[in-house]
């Protein structure tokens, strides 16, 4: 889903959008 650069992942904005829409950015689900 992203390009690995060192220890970090660089994602395209569209991929981030899809991740957010699917609940990937939901802090409650992430437990943070």
PDB file of N, CA and C in Angstrom:
ATOM      1  N   UNK A   1       0.819  -1.229   0.000  1.00  0.00           N
ATOM      2  CA  UNK A   1       0.000   0.000   0.000  1.00  0.00           C
ATOM      3  C   UNK A   1       0.842   1.263   0.000  1.00  0.00           C
ATOM      4  N   UNK A   2       2.110   1.131   0.232  1.00  0.00           N
ATOM      5  CA  UNK A   2       2.978   2.311   0.260  1.00  0.00           C
ATOM      6  C   UNK A   2       4.381   1.948  -0.154  1.00  0.00           C
ATOM      7  N   UNK A   3       5.221   2.947  -0.274  1.00  0.00           N
ATOM      8  CA  UNK A   3       6.613   2.710  -0.638  1.00  0.00           C
ATOM      9  C   UNK A   3       7.456   2.795   0.627  1.00  0.00           C
ATOM     10  N   UNK A   4       8.238   1.774   0.885  1.00  0.00           N
ATOM     11  CA  UNK A   4       9.027   1.783   2.114  1.00  0.00           C
ATOM     12  C   UNK A   4      10.290   2.601   1.927  1.00  0.00           C
ATOM     13  N   UNK A   5      10.461   3.572   2.816  1.00  0.00           N
ATOM     14  CA  UNK A   5      11.647   4.428   2.772  1.00  0.00           C
ATOM     15  C   UNK A   5      12.274   4.378   4.164  1.00  0.00           C
ATOM     16  N   UNK A   6      13.361   3.647   4.292  1.00  0.00           N
ATOM     17  CA  UNK A   6      13.964   3.481   5.605  1.00  0.00           C
ATOM     18  C   UNK A   6      13.003   2.710   6.496  1.00  0.00           C
ATOM     19  N   UNK A   7      12.673   3.264   7.648  1.00  0.00           N
ATOM     20  CA  UNK A   7      11.708   2.616   8.529  1.00  0.00           C
ATOM     21  C   UNK A   7      10.333   3.241   8.394  1.00  0.00           C
ATOM     22  N   UNK A   8      10.220   4.212   7.490  1.00  0.00           N
ATOM     23  CA  UNK A   8       8.952   4.917   7.340  1.00  0.00           C
ATOM     24  C   UNK A   8       8.247   4.494   6.068  1.00  0.00           C
ATOM     25  N   UNK A   9       6.938   4.618   6.087  1.00  0.00           N
ATOM     26  CA  UNK A   9       6.144   4.302   4.900  1.00  0.00           C
ATOM     27  C   UNK A   9       5.605   5.593   4.324  1.00  0.00           C
ATOM     28  N   UNK A  10       5.811   5.758   3.042  1.00  0.00           N
ATOM     29  CA  UNK A  10       5.291   6.948   2.370  1.00  0.00           C
ATOM     30  C   UNK A  10       4.101   6.534   1.511  1.00  0.00           C
ATOM     31  N   UNK A  11       2.960   7.068   1.834  1.00  0.00           N
ATOM     32  CA  UNK A  11       1.746   6.682   1.141  1.00  0.00           C
ATOM     33  C   UNK A  11       1.268   7.802   0.229  1.00  0.00           C
ATOM     34  N   UNK A  12       0.586   7.368  -0.804  1.00  0.00           N
ATOM     35  CA  UNK A  12      -0.030   8.358  -1.682  1.00  0.00           C
ATOM     36  C   UNK A  12      -1.300   8.866  -1.011  1.00  0.00           C
ATOM     37  N   UNK A  13      -1.654  10.098  -1.304  1.00  0.00           N
ATOM     38  CA  UNK A  13      -2.820  10.709  -0.675  1.00  0.00           C
ATOM     39  C   UNK A  13      -4.075   9.869  -0.892  1.00  0.00           C
ATOM     40  N   UNK A  14      -4.219   9.302  -2.078  1.00  0.00           N
ATOM     41  CA  UNK A  14      -5.400   8.500  -2.375  1.00  0.00           C
ATOM     42  C   UNK A  14      -5.457   7.263  -1.480  1.00  0.00           C
ATOM     43  N   UNK A  15      -4.287   6.666  -1.236  1.00  0.00           N
ATOM     44  CA  UNK A  15      -4.247   5.477  -0.396  1.00  0.00           C
ATOM     45  C   UNK A  15      -4.572   5.842   1.045  1.00  0.00           C
ATOM     46  N   UNK A  16      -4.085   6.977   1.501  1.00  0.00           N
ATOM     47  CA  UNK A  16      -4.411   7.452   2.844  1.00  0.00           C
ATOM     48  C   UNK A  16      -5.908   7.696   2.955  1.00  0.00           C
ATOM     49  N   UNK A  17      -6.489   8.318   1.926  1.00  0.00           N
ATOM     50  CA  UNK A  17      -7.925   8.580   1.926  1.00  0.00           C
ATOM     51  C   UNK A  17      -8.713   7.286   2.095  1.00  0.00           C
ATOM     52  N   UNK A  18      -8.326   6.262   1.339  1.00  0.00           N
ATOM     53  CA  UNK A  18      -9.031   4.984   1.417  1.00  0.00           C
ATOM     54  C   UNK A  18      -8.862   4.370   2.804  1.00  0.00           C
ATOM     55  N   UNK A  19      -7.656   4.489   3.363  1.00  0.00           N
ATOM     56  CA  UNK A  19      -7.375   3.946   4.690  1.00  0.00           C
ATOM     57  C   UNK A  19      -8.223   4.653   5.749  1.00  0.00           C
ATOM     58  N   UNK A  20      -8.312   5.981   5.625  1.00  0.00           N
ATOM     59  CA  UNK A  20      -9.104   6.765   6.569  1.00  0.00           C
ATOM     60  C   UNK A  20     -10.579   6.386   6.458  1.00  0.00           C
ATOM     61  N   UNK A  21     -11.055   6.269   5.221  1.00  0.00           N
ATOM     62  CA  UNK A  21     -12.468   5.943   5.005  1.00  0.00           C
ATOM     63  C   UNK A  21     -12.804   4.558   5.539  1.00  0.00           C
ATOM     64  N   UNK A  22     -11.840   3.648   5.490  1.00  0.00           N
ATOM     65  CA  UNK A  22     -12.087   2.284   5.954  1.00  0.00           C
ATOM     66  C   UNK A  22     -11.923   2.179   7.474  1.00  0.00           C
ATOM     67  N   UNK A  23     -11.603   3.290   8.127  1.00  0.00           N
ATOM     68  CA  UNK A  23     -11.515   3.299   9.584  1.00  0.00           C
ATOM     69  C   UNK A  23     -10.099   3.131  10.092  1.00  0.00           C
ATOM     70  N   UNK A  24      -9.112   3.189   9.217  1.00  0.00           N
ATOM     71  CA  UNK A  24      -7.732   2.986   9.633  1.00  0.00           C
ATOM     72  C   UNK A  24      -7.203   4.092  10.525  1.00  0.00           C
ATOM     73  N   UNK A  25      -7.847   5.256  10.475  1.00  0.00           N
ATOM     74  CA  UNK A  25      -7.363   6.382  11.264  1.00  0.00           C
ATOM     75  C   UNK A  25      -8.219   6.588  12.508  1.00  0.00           C
ATOM     76  N   UNK A  26      -9.069   5.610  12.800  1.00  0.00           N
ATOM     77  CA  UNK A  26      -9.952   5.737  13.954  1.00  0.00           C
ATOM     78  C   UNK A  26      -9.167   5.416  15.219  1.00  0.00           C
ATOM     79  N   UNK A  27      -8.899   6.437  16.024  1.00  0.00           N
ATOM     80  CA  UNK A  27      -8.099   6.249  17.228  1.00  0.00           C
ATOM     81  C   UNK A  27      -8.764   5.268  18.191  1.00  0.00           C
ATOM     82  N   UNK A  28     -10.098   5.261  18.228  1.00  0.00           N
ATOM     83  CA  UNK A  28     -10.800   4.363  19.138  1.00  0.00           C
ATOM     84  C   UNK A  28     -10.542   2.912  18.753  1.00  0.00           C
ATOM     85  N   UNK A  29     -10.513   2.636  17.444  1.00  0.00           N
ATOM     86  CA  UNK A  29     -10.265   1.273  16.984  1.00  0.00           C
ATOM     87  C   UNK A  29      -8.788   0.922  17.123  1.00  0.00           C
ATOM     88  N   UNK A  30      -7.929   1.925  16.971  1.00  0.00           N
ATOM     89  CA  UNK A  30      -6.493   1.684  17.031  1.00  0.00           C
ATOM     90  C   UNK A  30      -6.041   1.457  18.474  1.00  0.00           C
ATOM     91  N   UNK A  31      -6.852   1.918  19.437  1.00  0.00           N
ATOM     92  CA  UNK A  31      -6.503   1.720  20.828  1.00  0.00           C
ATOM     93  C   UNK A  31      -5.434   2.678  21.305  1.00  0.00           C
ATOM     94  N   UNK A  32      -5.289   3.803  20.627  1.00  0.00           N
ATOM     95  CA  UNK A  32      -4.306   4.794  21.057  1.00  0.00           C
ATOM     96  C   UNK A  32      -5.040   6.023  21.539  1.00  0.00           C
TER      97      UNK A  32
END
